[in-house]
N, C-alpha and C. Protein backbone atom coordinates (compact mmCIF):
# COMPACT_ATOMS: atom_id res chain seq x y z
N MET A 1 297.79 28.31 97.76
CA MET A 1 296.45 28.62 97.36
C MET A 1 296.32 30.13 97.25
N SER A 2 295.77 30.58 96.14
CA SER A 2 295.60 32.02 95.93
C SER A 2 294.31 32.51 96.59
N ARG A 3 294.22 33.81 96.75
CA ARG A 3 293.00 34.41 97.30
C ARG A 3 291.80 34.08 96.43
N ARG A 4 292.01 34.13 95.12
CA ARG A 4 290.92 33.86 94.18
C ARG A 4 290.42 32.44 94.35
N ASN A 5 291.33 31.48 94.47
CA ASN A 5 290.91 30.08 94.67
C ASN A 5 290.18 29.91 95.99
N PHE A 6 290.70 30.56 97.04
CA PHE A 6 290.06 30.47 98.35
C PHE A 6 288.64 31.02 98.31
N LEU A 7 288.47 32.21 97.72
CA LEU A 7 287.14 32.79 97.64
C LEU A 7 286.22 31.97 96.75
N GLY A 8 286.76 31.36 95.71
CA GLY A 8 285.96 30.48 94.86
C GLY A 8 285.46 29.26 95.62
N MET A 9 286.32 28.69 96.46
CA MET A 9 285.90 27.52 97.25
C MET A 9 284.87 27.93 98.30
N VAL A 10 285.05 29.09 98.92
CA VAL A 10 284.06 29.57 99.89
C VAL A 10 282.72 29.76 99.19
N GLY A 11 282.74 30.32 97.99
CA GLY A 11 281.51 30.52 97.21
C GLY A 11 280.84 29.22 96.84
N MET A 12 281.63 28.19 96.51
CA MET A 12 281.04 26.89 96.15
C MET A 12 280.38 26.24 97.36
N VAL A 13 281.00 26.38 98.52
CA VAL A 13 280.47 25.72 99.72
C VAL A 13 279.31 26.52 100.31
N GLY A 14 279.48 27.83 100.45
CA GLY A 14 278.50 28.63 101.17
C GLY A 14 277.63 29.52 100.31
N GLY A 15 277.90 29.61 99.03
CA GLY A 15 277.11 30.47 98.16
C GLY A 15 277.69 31.87 98.06
N ALA A 16 276.98 32.68 97.28
CA ALA A 16 277.45 34.04 97.00
C ALA A 16 277.49 34.90 98.26
N ALA A 17 276.51 34.73 99.14
CA ALA A 17 276.48 35.54 100.36
C ALA A 17 277.70 35.27 101.23
N ALA A 18 278.08 34.01 101.33
CA ALA A 18 279.25 33.65 102.14
C ALA A 18 280.53 34.21 101.51
N ALA A 19 280.63 34.14 100.20
CA ALA A 19 281.81 34.67 99.52
C ALA A 19 281.88 36.18 99.69
N TYR A 20 280.75 36.86 99.60
CA TYR A 20 280.74 38.32 99.77
C TYR A 20 281.11 38.69 101.20
N GLN A 21 280.58 37.95 102.18
CA GLN A 21 280.93 38.21 103.58
C GLN A 21 282.42 38.01 103.82
N MET A 22 282.99 36.96 103.22
CA MET A 22 284.42 36.71 103.37
C MET A 22 285.23 37.84 102.74
N MET A 23 284.77 38.35 101.58
CA MET A 23 285.47 39.47 100.94
C MET A 23 285.40 40.71 101.83
N ASN A 24 284.26 40.95 102.49
CA ASN A 24 284.15 42.07 103.43
C ASN A 24 285.12 41.90 104.58
N THR A 25 285.20 40.67 105.12
CA THR A 25 286.09 40.40 106.24
C THR A 25 287.54 40.63 105.86
N MET A 26 287.90 40.27 104.63
CA MET A 26 289.27 40.42 104.17
C MET A 26 289.56 41.85 103.68
N GLY A 27 288.53 42.69 103.64
CA GLY A 27 288.72 44.07 103.18
C GLY A 27 288.81 44.20 101.67
N LEU A 28 288.22 43.26 100.95
CA LEU A 28 288.32 43.26 99.49
C LEU A 28 287.06 43.78 98.80
N ALA A 29 285.95 43.86 99.51
CA ALA A 29 284.69 44.29 98.91
C ALA A 29 284.50 45.78 99.15
N ALA A 30 283.97 46.45 98.15
CA ALA A 30 283.69 47.88 98.28
C ALA A 30 282.48 48.08 99.18
N SER A 31 282.53 49.10 100.00
CA SER A 31 281.38 49.39 100.85
C SER A 31 280.28 50.02 100.02
N SER A 32 279.07 49.89 100.49
CA SER A 32 277.92 50.44 99.79
C SER A 32 277.93 51.96 99.88
N THR A 33 277.62 52.62 98.79
CA THR A 33 277.53 54.07 98.78
C THR A 33 276.08 54.52 98.67
N TYR A 34 275.13 53.59 98.84
CA TYR A 34 273.72 53.91 98.71
C TYR A 34 273.26 54.78 99.87
N THR A 35 272.57 55.85 99.57
CA THR A 35 271.93 56.67 100.58
C THR A 35 270.50 56.92 100.14
N LYS A 36 269.60 57.05 101.10
CA LYS A 36 268.21 57.32 100.77
C LYS A 36 268.09 58.70 100.15
N PRO A 37 267.28 58.82 99.09
CA PRO A 37 267.10 60.15 98.51
C PRO A 37 266.26 61.02 99.44
N GLN A 38 266.53 62.31 99.43
CA GLN A 38 265.76 63.26 100.22
C GLN A 38 264.51 63.63 99.44
N LEU A 39 263.35 63.19 99.94
CA LEU A 39 262.09 63.46 99.27
C LEU A 39 261.47 64.71 99.88
N THR A 40 261.46 65.79 99.10
CA THR A 40 260.89 67.03 99.58
C THR A 40 259.90 67.54 98.56
N GLY A 41 259.02 68.39 98.99
CA GLY A 41 258.02 68.97 98.09
C GLY A 41 256.79 68.08 97.99
N GLY A 42 255.72 68.67 97.55
CA GLY A 42 254.45 67.94 97.48
C GLY A 42 254.18 67.30 96.13
N GLY A 43 254.85 67.76 95.09
CA GLY A 43 254.63 67.19 93.77
C GLY A 43 253.37 67.68 93.09
N LYS A 44 252.81 68.75 93.58
CA LYS A 44 251.58 69.28 92.97
C LYS A 44 251.87 69.78 91.57
N GLY A 45 250.96 69.46 90.66
CA GLY A 45 251.09 69.89 89.28
C GLY A 45 252.00 68.99 88.45
N LYS A 46 252.42 67.85 89.00
CA LYS A 46 253.29 66.92 88.28
C LYS A 46 252.46 65.77 87.72
N SER A 47 252.88 65.22 86.61
CA SER A 47 252.23 64.04 86.01
C SER A 47 253.24 62.92 85.90
N VAL A 48 252.75 61.70 86.04
CA VAL A 48 253.61 60.52 85.95
C VAL A 48 253.01 59.55 84.95
N LEU A 49 253.84 59.02 84.07
CA LEU A 49 253.42 58.01 83.12
C LEU A 49 254.27 56.78 83.35
N ILE A 50 253.64 55.63 83.60
CA ILE A 50 254.37 54.39 83.85
C ILE A 50 254.21 53.49 82.63
N LEU A 51 255.33 53.15 82.00
CA LEU A 51 255.33 52.30 80.81
C LEU A 51 255.86 50.92 81.19
N GLY A 52 255.19 49.88 80.73
CA GLY A 52 255.69 48.53 80.94
C GLY A 52 255.40 47.97 82.32
N GLY A 53 254.47 48.56 83.03
CA GLY A 53 254.13 48.02 84.35
C GLY A 53 253.44 46.67 84.21
N ALA A 54 253.73 45.78 85.12
CA ALA A 54 253.12 44.45 85.04
C ALA A 54 251.99 44.30 86.03
């Protein structure tokens, strides 16, 4: 059984979250590089236009 088949079966049984967790456990998933942006300044004198808001 290949890794791909194994992960496919895990995904079928447990869903995408289970397959992703298994990939993390096996060291195959990339770690998140998301960091919170640094929000500084007051924004005075700035204008914002929102297009397509629902």
